[in-house]
């Protein structure tokens, strides 16, 4: 049975792709910086976790260290310092869950009660 992303905690989900470099798969820069409106930036700074979605499936989860900041290389993009979530309970709650992004690069979920 397909498991969907829980929506009781505010999260920011980002769609990523992988590229091959020297025979190893690596995440592309989509994970590092995003174009965000002021409203999206406000939500991003309230998100408890940042989820990485590949092929409609959550493949990784991060906590923010500090707030999002303007990316030095691209003025209109924002970045964060990612801290991988290591807790097995949190990881098992999100890893493998499904979400169809329908072409969106950044998705905010669970903000209804924030």
PDB file of N, CA and C in Angstrom:
ATOM      1  N   UNK A   1       0.838  -1.182   0.000  1.00  0.00           N
ATOM      2  CA  UNK A   1       0.000   0.000   0.000  1.00  0.00           C
ATOM      3  C   UNK A   1       0.880   1.242   0.000  1.00  0.00           C
ATOM      4  N   UNK A   2       0.534   2.204  -0.806  1.00  0.00           N
ATOM      5  CA  UNK A   2       1.305   3.434  -0.940  1.00  0.00           C
ATOM      6  C   UNK A   2       1.119   4.313   0.292  1.00  0.00           C
ATOM      7  N   UNK A   3       2.223   4.817   0.805  1.00  0.00           N
ATOM      8  CA  UNK A   3       2.225   5.661   1.992  1.00  0.00           C
ATOM      9  C   UNK A   3       2.471   7.104   1.562  1.00  0.00           C
ATOM     10  N   UNK A   4       1.621   8.040   1.989  1.00  0.00           N
ATOM     11  CA  UNK A   4       1.770   9.444   1.630  1.00  0.00           C
ATOM     12  C   UNK A   4       2.464  10.226   2.740  1.00  0.00           C
ATOM     13  N   UNK A   5       2.993  11.392   2.396  1.00  0.00           N
ATOM     14  CA  UNK A   5       3.686  12.237   3.362  1.00  0.00           C
ATOM     15  C   UNK A   5       2.705  12.671   4.450  1.00  0.00           C
ATOM     16  N   UNK A   6       3.048  12.458   5.737  1.00  0.00           N
ATOM     17  CA  UNK A   6       2.193  12.951   6.824  1.00  0.00           C
ATOM     18  C   UNK A   6       2.110  14.476   6.768  1.00  0.00           C
ATOM     19  N   UNK A   7       0.940  15.032   7.070  1.00  0.00           N
ATOM     20  CA  UNK A   7       0.766  16.484   6.975  1.00  0.00           C
ATOM     21  C   UNK A   7       0.510  17.132   8.332  1.00  0.00           C
ATOM     22  N   UNK A   8       0.926  16.477   9.431  1.00  0.00           N
ATOM     23  CA  UNK A   8       0.717  17.051  10.757  1.00  0.00           C
ATOM     24  C   UNK A   8       1.894  17.908  11.224  1.00  0.00           C
ATOM     25  N   UNK A   9       2.991  17.892  10.492  1.00  0.00           N
ATOM     26  CA  UNK A   9       4.190  18.677  10.807  1.00  0.00           C
ATOM     27  C   UNK A   9       4.520  19.516   9.579  1.00  0.00           C
ATOM     28  N   UNK A  10       4.810  20.835   9.755  1.00  0.00           N
ATOM     29  CA  UNK A  10       5.144  21.655   8.585  1.00  0.00           C
ATOM     30  C   UNK A  10       6.481  21.244   7.966  1.00  0.00           C
ATOM     31  N   UNK A  11       6.448  20.907   6.683  1.00  0.00           N
ATOM     32  CA  UNK A  11       7.663  20.504   5.971  1.00  0.00           C
ATOM     33  C   UNK A  11       7.747  21.231   4.631  1.00  0.00           C
ATOM     34  N   UNK A  12       8.962  21.372   4.156  1.00  0.00           N
ATOM     35  CA  UNK A  12       9.223  21.881   2.812  1.00  0.00           C
ATOM     36  C   UNK A  12       9.766  20.696   2.032  1.00  0.00           C
ATOM     37  N   UNK A  13       9.143  20.380   0.924  1.00  0.00           N
ATOM     38  CA  UNK A  13       9.619  19.277   0.091  1.00  0.00           C
ATOM     39  C   UNK A  13      10.194  19.860  -1.191  1.00  0.00           C
ATOM     40  N   UNK A  14      11.344  19.350  -1.613  1.00  0.00           N
ATOM     41  CA  UNK A  14      11.981  19.832  -2.832  1.00  0.00           C
ATOM     42  C   UNK A  14      12.213  18.656  -3.770  1.00  0.00           C
ATOM     43  N   UNK A  15      11.976  18.893  -5.045  1.00  0.00           N
ATOM     44  CA  UNK A  15      12.163  17.856  -6.051  1.00  0.00           C
ATOM     45  C   UNK A  15      13.611  17.901  -6.509  1.00  0.00           C
ATOM     46  N   UNK A  16      14.261  16.752  -6.495  1.00  0.00           N
ATOM     47  CA  UNK A  16      15.678  16.672  -6.864  1.00  0.00           C
ATOM     48  C   UNK A  16      15.862  15.705  -8.018  1.00  0.00           C
ATOM     49  N   UNK A  17      17.019  15.783  -8.625  1.00  0.00           N
ATOM     50  CA  UNK A  17      17.436  14.792  -9.610  1.00  0.00           C
ATOM     51  C   UNK A  17      18.837  14.357  -9.219  1.00  0.00           C
ATOM     52  N   UNK A  18      19.262  13.257  -9.747  1.00  0.00           N
ATOM     53  CA  UNK A  18      20.619  12.787  -9.483  1.00  0.00           C
ATOM     54  C   UNK A  18      21.395  12.805 -10.785  1.00  0.00           C
ATOM     55  N   UNK A  19      22.676  13.083 -10.691  1.00  0.00           N
ATOM     56  CA  UNK A  19      23.543  13.044 -11.861  1.00  0.00           C
ATOM     57  C   UNK A  19      24.704  12.116 -11.551  1.00  0.00           C
ATOM     58  N   UNK A  20      25.282  11.568 -12.590  1.00  0.00           N
ATOM     59  CA  UNK A  20      26.408  10.661 -12.408  1.00  0.00           C
ATOM     60  C   UNK A  20      27.711  11.416 -12.600  1.00  0.00           C
ATOM     61  N   UNK A  21      28.587  11.306 -11.634  1.00  0.00           N
ATOM     62  CA  UNK A  21      29.906  11.928 -11.719  1.00  0.00           C
ATOM     63  C   UNK A  21      30.934  10.890 -11.297  1.00  0.00           C
ATOM     64  N   UNK A  22      31.855  10.596 -12.159  1.00  0.00           N
ATOM     65  CA  UNK A  22      32.894   9.603 -11.862  1.00  0.00           C
ATOM     66  C   UNK A  22      32.306   8.264 -11.419  1.00  0.00           C
ATOM     67  N   UNK A  23      31.210   7.881 -12.050  1.00  0.00           N
ATOM     68  CA  UNK A  23      30.617   6.588 -11.741  1.00  0.00           C
ATOM     69  C   UNK A  23      29.782   6.559 -10.474  1.00  0.00           C
ATOM     70  N   UNK A  24      29.659   7.697  -9.769  1.00  0.00           N
ATOM     71  CA  UNK A  24      28.892   7.735  -8.528  1.00  0.00           C
ATOM     72  C   UNK A  24      27.700   8.667  -8.712  1.00  0.00           C
ATOM     73  N   UNK A  25      26.581   8.314  -8.121  1.00  0.00           N
ATOM     74  CA  UNK A  25      25.407   9.178  -8.179  1.00  0.00           C
ATOM     75  C   UNK A  25      25.548  10.299  -7.158  1.00  0.00           C
ATOM     76  N   UNK A  26      25.270  11.516  -7.580  1.00  0.00           N
ATOM     77  CA  UNK A  26      25.303  12.655  -6.663  1.00  0.00           C
ATOM     78  C   UNK A  26      24.060  13.498  -6.892  1.00  0.00           C
ATOM     79  N   UNK A  27      23.604  14.169  -5.848  1.00  0.00           N
ATOM     80  CA  UNK A  27      22.463  15.068  -5.989  1.00  0.00           C
ATOM     81  C   UNK A  27      22.901  16.309  -6.735  1.00  0.00           C
ATOM     82  N   UNK A  28      22.004  16.871  -7.514  1.00  0.00           N
ATOM     83  CA  UNK A  28      22.348  18.102  -8.228  1.00  0.00           C
ATOM     84  C   UNK A  28      22.100  19.321  -7.338  1.00  0.00           C
ATOM     85  N   UNK A  29      22.345  20.494  -7.876  1.00  0.00           N
ATOM     86  CA  UNK A  29      22.271  21.729  -7.099  1.00  0.00           C
ATOM     87  C   UNK A  29      20.852  22.116  -6.711  1.00  0.00           C
ATOM     88  N   UNK A  30      19.850  21.411  -7.234  1.00  0.00           N
ATOM     89  CA  UNK A  30      18.477  21.742  -6.872  1.00  0.00           C
ATOM     90  C   UNK A  30      18.301  21.655  -5.365  1.00  0.00           C
ATOM     91  N   UNK A  31      19.029  20.767  -4.726  1.00  0.00           N
ATOM     92  CA  UNK A  31      18.922  20.601  -3.284  1.00  0.00           C
ATOM     93  C   UNK A  31      19.451  21.823  -2.539  1.00  0.00           C
ATOM     94  N   UNK A  32      20.330  22.584  -3.130  1.00  0.00           N
ATOM     95  CA  UNK A  32      21.053  23.621  -2.402  1.00  0.00           C
ATOM     96  C   UNK A  32      20.422  25.003  -2.420  1.00  0.00           C
ATOM     97  N   UNK A  33      19.735  25.379  -3.467  1.00  0.00           N
ATOM     98  CA  UNK A  33      19.209  26.745  -3.551  1.00  0.00           C
ATOM     99  C   UNK A  33      17.929  26.767  -4.379  1.00  0.00           C
ATOM    100  N   UNK A  34      16.964  27.569  -3.927  1.00  0.00           N
ATOM    101  CA  UNK A  34      15.676  27.634  -4.594  1.00  0.00           C
ATOM    102  C   UNK A  34      15.216  29.070  -4.727  1.00  0.00           C
ATOM    103  N   UNK A  35      14.465  29.341  -5.797  1.00  0.00           N
ATOM    104  CA  UNK A  35      13.807  30.637  -5.943  1.00  0.00           C
ATOM    105  C   UNK A  35      12.590  30.602  -5.027  1.00  0.00           C
ATOM    106  N   UNK A  36      12.518  31.549  -4.095  1.00  0.00           N
ATOM    107  CA  UNK A  36      11.414  31.593  -3.142  1.00  0.00           C
ATOM    108  C   UNK A  36      10.838  33.001  -3.074  1.00  0.00           C
ATOM    109  N   UNK A  37       9.510  33.092  -3.083  1.00  0.00           N
ATOM    110  CA  UNK A  37       8.859  34.384  -2.862  1.00  0.00           C
ATOM    111  C   UNK A  37       8.978  34.708  -1.370  1.00  0.00           C
ATOM    112  N   UNK A  38       8.580  35.915  -0.980  1.00  0.00           N
ATOM    113  CA  UNK A  38       8.638  36.276   0.443  1.00  0.00           C
ATOM    114  C   UNK A  38       7.770  35.344   1.279  1.00  0.00           C
ATOM    115  N   UNK A  39       6.580  35.017   0.776  1.00  0.00           N
ATOM    116  CA  UNK A  39       5.688  34.103   1.486  1.00  0.00           C
ATOM    117  C   UNK A  39       6.281  32.705   1.611  1.00  0.00           C
ATOM    118  N   UNK A  40       6.905  32.232   0.535  1.00  0.00           N
ATOM    119  CA  UNK A  40       7.544  30.917   0.574  1.00  0.00           C
ATOM    120  C   UNK A  40       8.738  30.923   1.522  1.00  0.00           C
ATOM    121  N   UNK A  41       9.500  32.011   1.532  1.00  0.00           N
ATOM    122  CA  UNK A  41      10.652  32.112   2.429  1.00  0.00           C
ATOM    123  C   UNK A  41      10.193  32.064   3.884  1.00  0.00           C
ATOM    124  N   UNK A  42       9.103  32.737   4.181  1.00  0.00           N
ATOM    125  CA  UNK A  42       8.552  32.714   5.540  1.00  0.00           C
ATOM    126  C   UNK A  42       8.171  31.287   5.933  1.00  0.00           C
ATOM    127  N   UNK A  43       7.508  30.573   5.027  1.00  0.00           N
ATOM    128  CA  UNK A  43       7.142  29.180   5.297  1.00  0.00           C
ATOM    129  C   UNK A  43       8.386  28.307   5.429  1.00  0.00           C
ATOM    130  N   UNK A  44       9.363  28.511   4.548  1.00  0.00           N
ATOM    131  CA  UNK A  44      10.591  27.707   4.590  1.00  0.00           C
ATOM    132  C   UNK A  44      11.268  27.833   5.945  1.00  0.00           C
ATOM    133  N   UNK A  45      11.268  29.027   6.515  1.00  0.00           N
ATOM    134  CA  UNK A  45      11.901  29.239   7.814  1.00  0.00           C
ATOM    135  C   UNK A  45      11.091  28.672   8.969  1.00  0.00           C
ATOM    136  N   UNK A  46       9.834  28.306   8.719  1.00  0.00           N
ATOM    137  CA  UNK A  46       9.000  27.676   9.745  1.00  0.00           C
ATOM    138  C   UNK A  46       8.948  26.159   9.585  1.00  0.00           C
ATOM    139  N   UNK A  47       9.421  25.653   8.457  1.00  0.00           N
ATOM    140  CA  UNK A  47       9.368  24.206   8.202  1.00  0.00           C
ATOM    141  C   UNK A  47      10.254  23.463   9.192  1.00  0.00           C
ATOM    142  N   UNK A  48       9.724  22.387   9.731  1.00  0.00           N
ATOM    143  CA  UNK A  48      10.506  21.580  10.673  1.00  0.00           C
ATOM    144  C   UNK A  48      11.548  20.742   9.929  1.00  0.00           C
ATOM    145  N   UNK A  49      11.165  20.220   8.767  1.00  0.00           N
ATOM    146  CA  UNK A  49      12.068  19.384   7.979  1.00  0.00           C
ATOM    147  C   UNK A  49      12.056  19.820   6.521  1.00  0.00           C
ATOM    148  N   UNK A  50      13.121  19.471   5.807  1.00  0.00           N
ATOM    149  CA  UNK A  50      13.184  19.636   4.355  1.00  0.00           C
ATOM    150  C   UNK A  50      13.308  18.228   3.782  1.00  0.00           C
ATOM    151  N   UNK A  51      12.351  17.856   2.950  1.00  0.00           N
ATOM    152  CA  UNK A  51      12.327  16.522   2.351  1.00  0.00           C
ATOM    153  C   UNK A  51      12.830  16.595   0.922  1.00  0.00           C
ATOM    154  N   UNK A  52      13.650  15.641   0.522  1.00  0.00           N
ATOM    155  CA  UNK A  52      14.120  15.545  -0.861  1.00  0.00           C
ATOM    156  C   UNK A  52      13.288  14.475  -1.564  1.00  0.00           C
ATOM    157  N   UNK A  53      12.618  14.873  -2.650  1.00  0.00           N
ATOM    158  CA  UNK A  53      11.747  13.965  -3.401  1.00  0.00           C
ATOM    159  C   UNK A  53      12.374  13.668  -4.754  1.00  0.00           C
ATOM    160  N   UNK A  54      12.498  12.394  -5.061  1.00  0.00           N
ATOM    161  CA  UNK A  54      12.984  11.963  -6.372  1.00  0.00           C
ATOM    162  C   UNK A  54      11.991  10.948  -6.918  1.00  0.00           C
ATOM    163  N   UNK A  55      11.552  11.152  -8.147  1.00  0.00           N
ATOM    164  CA  UNK A  55      10.576  10.251  -8.775  1.00  0.00           C
ATOM    165  C   UNK A  55       9.359  10.020  -7.879  1.00  0.00           C
ATOM    166  N   UNK A  56       8.822  11.104  -7.304  1.00  0.00           N
ATOM    167  CA  UNK A  56       7.612  11.087  -6.466  1.00  0.00           C
ATOM    168  C   UNK A  56       7.776  10.354  -5.140  1.00  0.00           C
ATOM    169  N   UNK A  57       9.004  10.096  -4.713  1.00  0.00           N
ATOM    170  CA  UNK A  57       9.258   9.390  -3.459  1.00  0.00           C
ATOM    171  C   UNK A  57      10.266  10.163  -2.614  1.00  0.00           C
ATOM    172  N   UNK A  58      10.003  10.282  -1.310  1.00  0.00           N
ATOM    173  CA  UNK A  58      10.943  10.942  -0.403  1.00  0.00           C
ATOM    174  C   UNK A  58      12.158  10.033  -0.232  1.00  0.00           C
ATOM    175  N   UNK A  59      13.343  10.563  -0.571  1.00  0.00           N
ATOM    176  CA  UNK A  59      14.572   9.773  -0.502  1.00  0.00           C
ATOM    177  C   UNK A  59      15.529  10.268   0.580  1.00  0.00           C
ATOM    178  N   UNK A  60      15.297  11.469   1.133  1.00  0.00           N
ATOM    179  CA  UNK A  60      16.172  11.987   2.180  1.00  0.00           C
ATOM    180  C   UNK A  60      15.431  13.048   2.971  1.00  0.00           C
ATOM    181  N   UNK A  61      15.895  13.305   4.197  1.00  0.00           N
ATOM    182  CA  UNK A  61      15.248  14.279   5.076  1.00  0.00           C
ATOM    183  C   UNK A  61      16.314  15.044   5.849  1.00  0.00           C
ATOM    184  N   UNK A  62      16.099  16.351   5.964  1.00  0.00           N
ATOM    185  CA  UNK A  62      17.060  17.235   6.627  1.00  0.00           C
ATOM    186  C   UNK A  62      16.357  18.149   7.611  1.00  0.00           C
ATOM    187  N   UNK A  63      17.115  18.600   8.614  1.00  0.00           N
ATOM    188  CA  UNK A  63      16.691  19.699   9.469  1.00  0.00           C
ATOM    189  C   UNK A  63      17.492  20.907   9.034  1.00  0.00           C
ATOM    190  N   UNK A  64      16.910  22.082   9.206  1.00  0.00           N
ATOM    191  CA  UNK A  64      17.637  23.313   8.890  1.00  0.00           C
ATOM    192  C   UNK A  64      18.540  23.664  10.060  1.00  0.00           C
ATOM    193  N   UNK A  65      19.697  24.191   9.788  1.00  0.00           N
ATOM    194  CA  UNK A  65      20.544  24.777  10.825  1.00  0.00           C
ATOM    195  C   UNK A  65      20.514  26.277  10.565  1.00  0.00           C
ATOM    196  N   UNK A  66      19.723  27.013  11.333  1.00  0.00           N
ATOM    197  CA  UNK A  66      19.549  28.439  11.087  1.00  0.00           C
ATOM    198  C   UNK A  66      18.476  28.686  10.043  1.00  0.00           C
ATOM    199  N   UNK A  67      18.335  29.951   9.651  1.00  0.00           N
ATOM    200  CA  UNK A  67      17.330  30.322   8.665  1.00  0.00           C
ATOM    201  C   UNK A  67      17.892  30.244   7.251  1.00  0.00           C
ATOM    202  N   UNK A  68      16.994  30.274   6.283  1.00  0.00           N
ATOM    203  CA  UNK A  68      17.412  30.330   4.885  1.00  0.00           C
ATOM    204  C   UNK A  68      18.121  31.655   4.640  1.00  0.00           C
ATOM    205  N   UNK A  69      19.093  31.649   3.762  1.00  0.00           N
ATOM    206  CA  UNK A  69      19.868  32.862   3.461  1.00  0.00           C
ATOM    207  C   UNK A  69      20.019  32.982   1.956  1.00  0.00           C
ATOM    208  N   UNK A  70      20.285  34.206   1.497  1.00  0.00           N
ATOM    209  CA  UNK A  70      20.484  34.429   0.053  1.00  0.00           C
ATOM    210  C   UNK A  70      21.743  33.708  -0.397  1.00  0.00           C
ATOM    211  N   UNK A  71      21.625  32.992  -1.483  1.00  0.00           N
ATOM    212  CA  UNK A  71      22.764  32.270  -2.038  1.00  0.00           C
ATOM    213  C   UNK A  71      23.722  33.271  -2.672  1.00  0.00           C
ATOM    214  N   UNK A  72      24.998  33.177  -2.350  1.00  0.00           N
ATOM    215  CA  UNK A  72      25.991  34.133  -2.867  1.00  0.00           C
ATOM    216  C   UNK A  72      26.156  34.054  -4.378  1.00  0.00           C
ATOM    217  N   UNK A  73      26.029  32.871  -4.937  1.00  0.00           N
ATOM    218  CA  UNK A  73      26.259  32.713  -6.372  1.00  0.00           C
ATOM    219  C   UNK A  73      25.044  33.120  -7.210  1.00  0.00           C
ATOM    220  N   UNK A  74      23.857  33.060  -6.616  1.00  0.00           N
ATOM    221  CA  UNK A  74      22.641  33.409  -7.354  1.00  0.00           C
ATOM    222  C   UNK A  74      21.746  34.246  -6.454  1.00  0.00           C
ATOM    223  N   UNK A  75      21.663  35.535  -6.733  1.00  0.00           N
ATOM    224  CA  UNK A  75      20.970  36.474  -5.853  1.00  0.00           C
ATOM    225  C   UNK A  75      19.501  36.166  -5.611  1.00  0.00           C
ATOM    226  N   UNK A  76      18.841  35.561  -6.573  1.00  0.00           N
ATOM    227  CA  UNK A  76      17.406  35.335  -6.411  1.00  0.00           C
ATOM    228  C   UNK A  76      17.078  33.973  -5.799  1.00  0.00           C
ATOM    229  N   UNK A  77      18.083  33.284  -5.292  1.00  0.00           N
ATOM    230  CA  UNK A  77      17.861  31.959  -4.704  1.00  0.00           C
ATOM    231  C   UNK A  77      18.248  31.950  -3.231  1.00  0.00           C
ATOM    232  N   UNK A  78      17.615  31.040  -2.488  1.00  0.00           N
ATOM    233  CA  UNK A  78      17.875  30.915  -1.060  1.00  0.00           C
ATOM    234  C   UNK A  78      18.384  29.513  -0.748  1.00  0.00           C
ATOM    235  N   UNK A  79      19.264  29.436   0.236  1.00  0.00           N
ATOM    236  CA  UNK A  79      19.881  28.180   0.646  1.00  0.00           C
ATOM    237  C   UNK A  79      19.694  27.986   2.145  1.00  0.00           C
ATOM    238  N   UNK A  80      20.048  26.795   2.617  1.00  0.00           N
ATOM    239  CA  UNK A  80      20.067  26.530   4.050  1.00  0.00           C
ATOM    240  C   UNK A  80      21.206  25.572   4.347  1.00  0.00           C
ATOM    241  N   UNK A  81      21.601  25.514   5.613  1.00  0.00           N
ATOM    242  CA  UNK A  81      22.627  24.557   6.016  1.00  0.00           C
ATOM    243  C   UNK A  81      21.911  23.272   6.409  1.00  0.00           C
ATOM    244  N   UNK A  82      22.036  22.215   5.599  1.00  0.00           N
ATOM    245  CA  UNK A  82      21.300  20.983   5.876  1.00  0.00           C
ATOM    246  C   UNK A  82      21.996  20.122   6.926  1.00  0.00           C
ATOM    247  N   UNK A  83      21.211  19.618   7.846  1.00  0.00           N
ATOM    248  CA  UNK A  83      21.699  18.665   8.836  1.00  0.00           C
ATOM    249  C   UNK A  83      20.888  17.394   8.626  1.00  0.00           C
ATOM    250  N   UNK A  84      21.513  16.304   8.180  1.00  0.00           N
ATOM    251  CA  UNK A  84      20.754  15.070   7.951  1.00  0.00           C
ATOM    252  C   UNK A  84      20.071  14.596   9.235  1.00  0.00           C
ATOM    253  N   UNK A  85      18.814  14.200   9.131  1.00  0.00           N
ATOM    254  CA  UNK A  85      18.091  13.649  10.268  1.00  0.00           C
ATOM    255  C   UNK A  85      18.537  12.206  10.427  1.00  0.00           C
ATOM    256  N   UNK A  86      18.978  11.858  11.615  1.00  0.00           N
ATOM    257  CA  UNK A  86      19.493  10.511  11.863  1.00  0.00           C
ATOM    258  C   UNK A  86      18.523   9.634  12.657  1.00  0.00           C
ATOM    259  N   UNK A  87      17.537  10.246  13.314  1.00  0.00           N
ATOM    260  CA  UNK A  87      16.594   9.472  14.124  1.00  0.00           C
ATOM    261  C   UNK A  87      15.804   8.488  13.280  1.00  0.00           C
ATOM    262  N   UNK A  88      15.869   7.215  13.643  1.00  0.00           N
ATOM    263  CA  UNK A  88      15.205   6.169  12.859  1.00  0.00           C
ATOM    264  C   UNK A  88      13.695   6.370  12.801  1.00  0.00           C
ATOM    265  N   UNK A  89      13.099   6.854  13.883  1.00  0.00           N
ATOM    266  CA  UNK A  89      11.650   7.051  13.904  1.00  0.00           C
ATOM    267  C   UNK A  89      11.200   8.102  12.905  1.00  0.00           C
ATOM    268  N   UNK A  90      11.909   9.226  12.869  1.00  0.00           N
ATOM    269  CA  UNK A  90      11.568  10.303  11.933  1.00  0.00           C
ATOM    270  C   UNK A  90      11.848   9.855  10.508  1.00  0.00           C
ATOM    271  N   UNK A  91      13.006   9.238  10.281  1.00  0.00           N
ATOM    272  CA  UNK A  91      13.357   8.791   8.927  1.00  0.00           C
ATOM    273  C   UNK A  91      12.323   7.787   8.408  1.00  0.00           C
ATOM    274  N   UNK A  92      11.936   6.833   9.240  1.00  0.00           N
ATOM    275  CA  UNK A  92      10.980   5.819   8.777  1.00  0.00           C
ATOM    276  C   UNK A  92       9.598   6.426   8.535  1.00  0.00           C
ATOM    277  N   UNK A  93       9.310   7.532   9.199  1.00  0.00           N
ATOM    278  CA  UNK A  93       8.019   8.196   8.998  1.00  0.00           C
ATOM    279  C   UNK A  93       7.930   8.837   7.617  1.00  0.00           C
ATOM    280  N   UNK A  94       9.048   9.308   7.092  1.00  0.00           N
ATOM    281  CA  UNK A  94       9.039  10.042   5.823  1.00  0.00           C
ATOM    282  C   UNK A  94       9.680   9.307   4.645  1.00  0.00           C
ATOM    283  N   UNK A  95      10.812   8.638   4.849  1.00  0.00           N
ATOM    284  CA  UNK A  95      11.515   7.988   3.737  1.00  0.00           C
ATOM    285  C   UNK A  95      10.594   6.952   3.092  1.00  0.00           C
ATOM    286  N   UNK A  96      10.489   7.023   1.782  1.00  0.00           N
ATOM    287  CA  UNK A  96       9.646   6.086   1.042  1.00  0.00           C
ATOM    288  C   UNK A  96       8.214   6.555   0.857  1.00  0.00           C
ATOM    289  N   UNK A  97       7.830   7.661   1.524  1.00  0.00           N
ATOM    290  CA  UNK A  97       6.479   8.176   1.318  1.00  0.00           C
ATOM    291  C   UNK A  97       6.392   8.789  -0.068  1.00  0.00           C
ATOM    292  N   UNK A  98       5.184   8.913  -0.575  1.00  0.00           N
ATOM    293  CA  UNK A  98       4.983   9.355  -1.956  1.00  0.00           C
ATOM    294  C   UNK A  98       4.337  10.732  -2.000  1.00  0.00           C
ATOM    295  N   UNK A  99       4.728  11.511  -3.006  1.00  0.00           N
ATOM    296  CA  UNK A  99       4.072  12.787  -3.287  1.00  0.00           C
ATOM    297  C   UNK A  99       4.323  13.130  -4.740  1.00  0.00           C
ATOM    298  N   UNK A 100       3.268  13.342  -5.486  1.00  0.00           N
ATOM    299  CA  UNK A 100       3.401  13.741  -6.891  1.00  0.00           C
ATOM    300  C   UNK A 100       3.486  15.259  -6.940  1.00  0.00           C
ATOM    301  N   UNK A 101       4.605  15.753  -7.405  1.00  0.00           N
ATOM    302  CA  UNK A 101       4.864  17.193  -7.380  1.00  0.00           C
ATOM    303  C   UNK A 101       4.163  17.952  -8.497  1.00  0.00           C
ATOM    304  N   UNK A 102       3.725  17.265  -9.522  1.00  0.00           N
ATOM    305  CA  UNK A 102       3.036  17.896 -10.666  1.00  0.00           C
ATOM    306  C   UNK A 102       3.824  19.083 -11.222  1.00  0.00           C
ATOM    307  N   UNK A 103       5.126  18.926 -11.338  1.00  0.00           N
ATOM    308  CA  UNK A 103       5.969  19.955 -11.936  1.00  0.00           C
ATOM    309  C   UNK A 103       6.469  21.018 -10.982  1.00  0.00           C
ATOM    310  N   UNK A 104       6.025  21.008  -9.734  1.00  0.00           N
ATOM    311  CA  UNK A 104       6.500  21.989  -8.763  1.00  0.00           C
ATOM    312  C   UNK A 104       7.884  21.593  -8.261  1.00  0.00           C
ATOM    313  N   UNK A 105       8.770  22.575  -8.078  1.00  0.00           N
ATOM    314  CA  UNK A 105      10.106  22.289  -7.550  1.00  0.00           C
ATOM    315  C   UNK A 105      10.127  22.345  -6.031  1.00  0.00           C
ATOM    316  N   UNK A 106       9.259  23.178  -5.443  1.00  0.00           N
ATOM    317  CA  UNK A 106       9.195  23.347  -3.990  1.00  0.00           C
ATOM    318  C   UNK A 106       7.739  23.218  -3.562  1.00  0.00           C
ATOM    319  N   UNK A 107       7.484  22.392  -2.540  1.00  0.00           N
ATOM    320  CA  UNK A 107       6.135  22.150  -2.057  1.00  0.00           C
ATOM    321  C   UNK A 107       6.133  22.354  -0.547  1.00  0.00           C
ATOM    322  N   UNK A 108       5.104  23.009  -0.030  1.00  0.00           N
ATOM    323  CA  UNK A 108       4.964  23.191   1.414  1.00  0.00           C
ATOM    324  C   UNK A 108       3.754  22.394   1.874  1.00  0.00           C
ATOM    325  N   UNK A 109       3.942  21.542   2.872  1.00  0.00           N
ATOM    326  CA  UNK A 109       2.879  20.684   3.386  1.00  0.00           C
ATOM    327  C   UNK A 109       2.770  20.847   4.901  1.00  0.00           C
ATOM    328  N   UNK A 110       1.564  20.720   5.431  1.00  0.00           N
ATOM    329  CA  UNK A 110       1.357  20.751   6.874  1.00  0.00           C
ATOM    330  C   UNK A 110       1.340  22.135   7.490  1.00  0.00           C
ATOM    331  N   UNK A 111       1.114  23.173   6.687  1.00  0.00           N
ATOM    332  CA  UNK A 111       1.123  24.541   7.212  1.00  0.00           C
ATOM    333  C   UNK A 111      -0.281  25.050   7.555  1.00  0.00           C
ATOM    334  N   UNK A 112      -1.278  24.203   7.476  1.00  0.00           N
ATOM    335  CA  UNK A 112      -2.650  24.633   7.720  1.00  0.00           C
ATOM    336  C   UNK A 112      -2.838  25.192   9.127  1.00  0.00           C
ATOM    337  N   UNK A 113      -2.150  24.632  10.129  1.00  0.00           N
ATOM    338  CA  UNK A 113      -2.333  25.045  11.522  1.00  0.00           C
ATOM    339  C   UNK A 113      -1.155  25.831  12.075  1.00  0.00           C
ATOM    340  N   UNK A 114      -0.302  26.347  11.201  1.00  0.00           N
ATOM    341  CA  UNK A 114       0.889  27.085  11.668  1.00  0.00           C
ATOM    342  C   UNK A 114       0.614  28.564  11.629  1.00  0.00           C
TER     343      UNK A 114
END
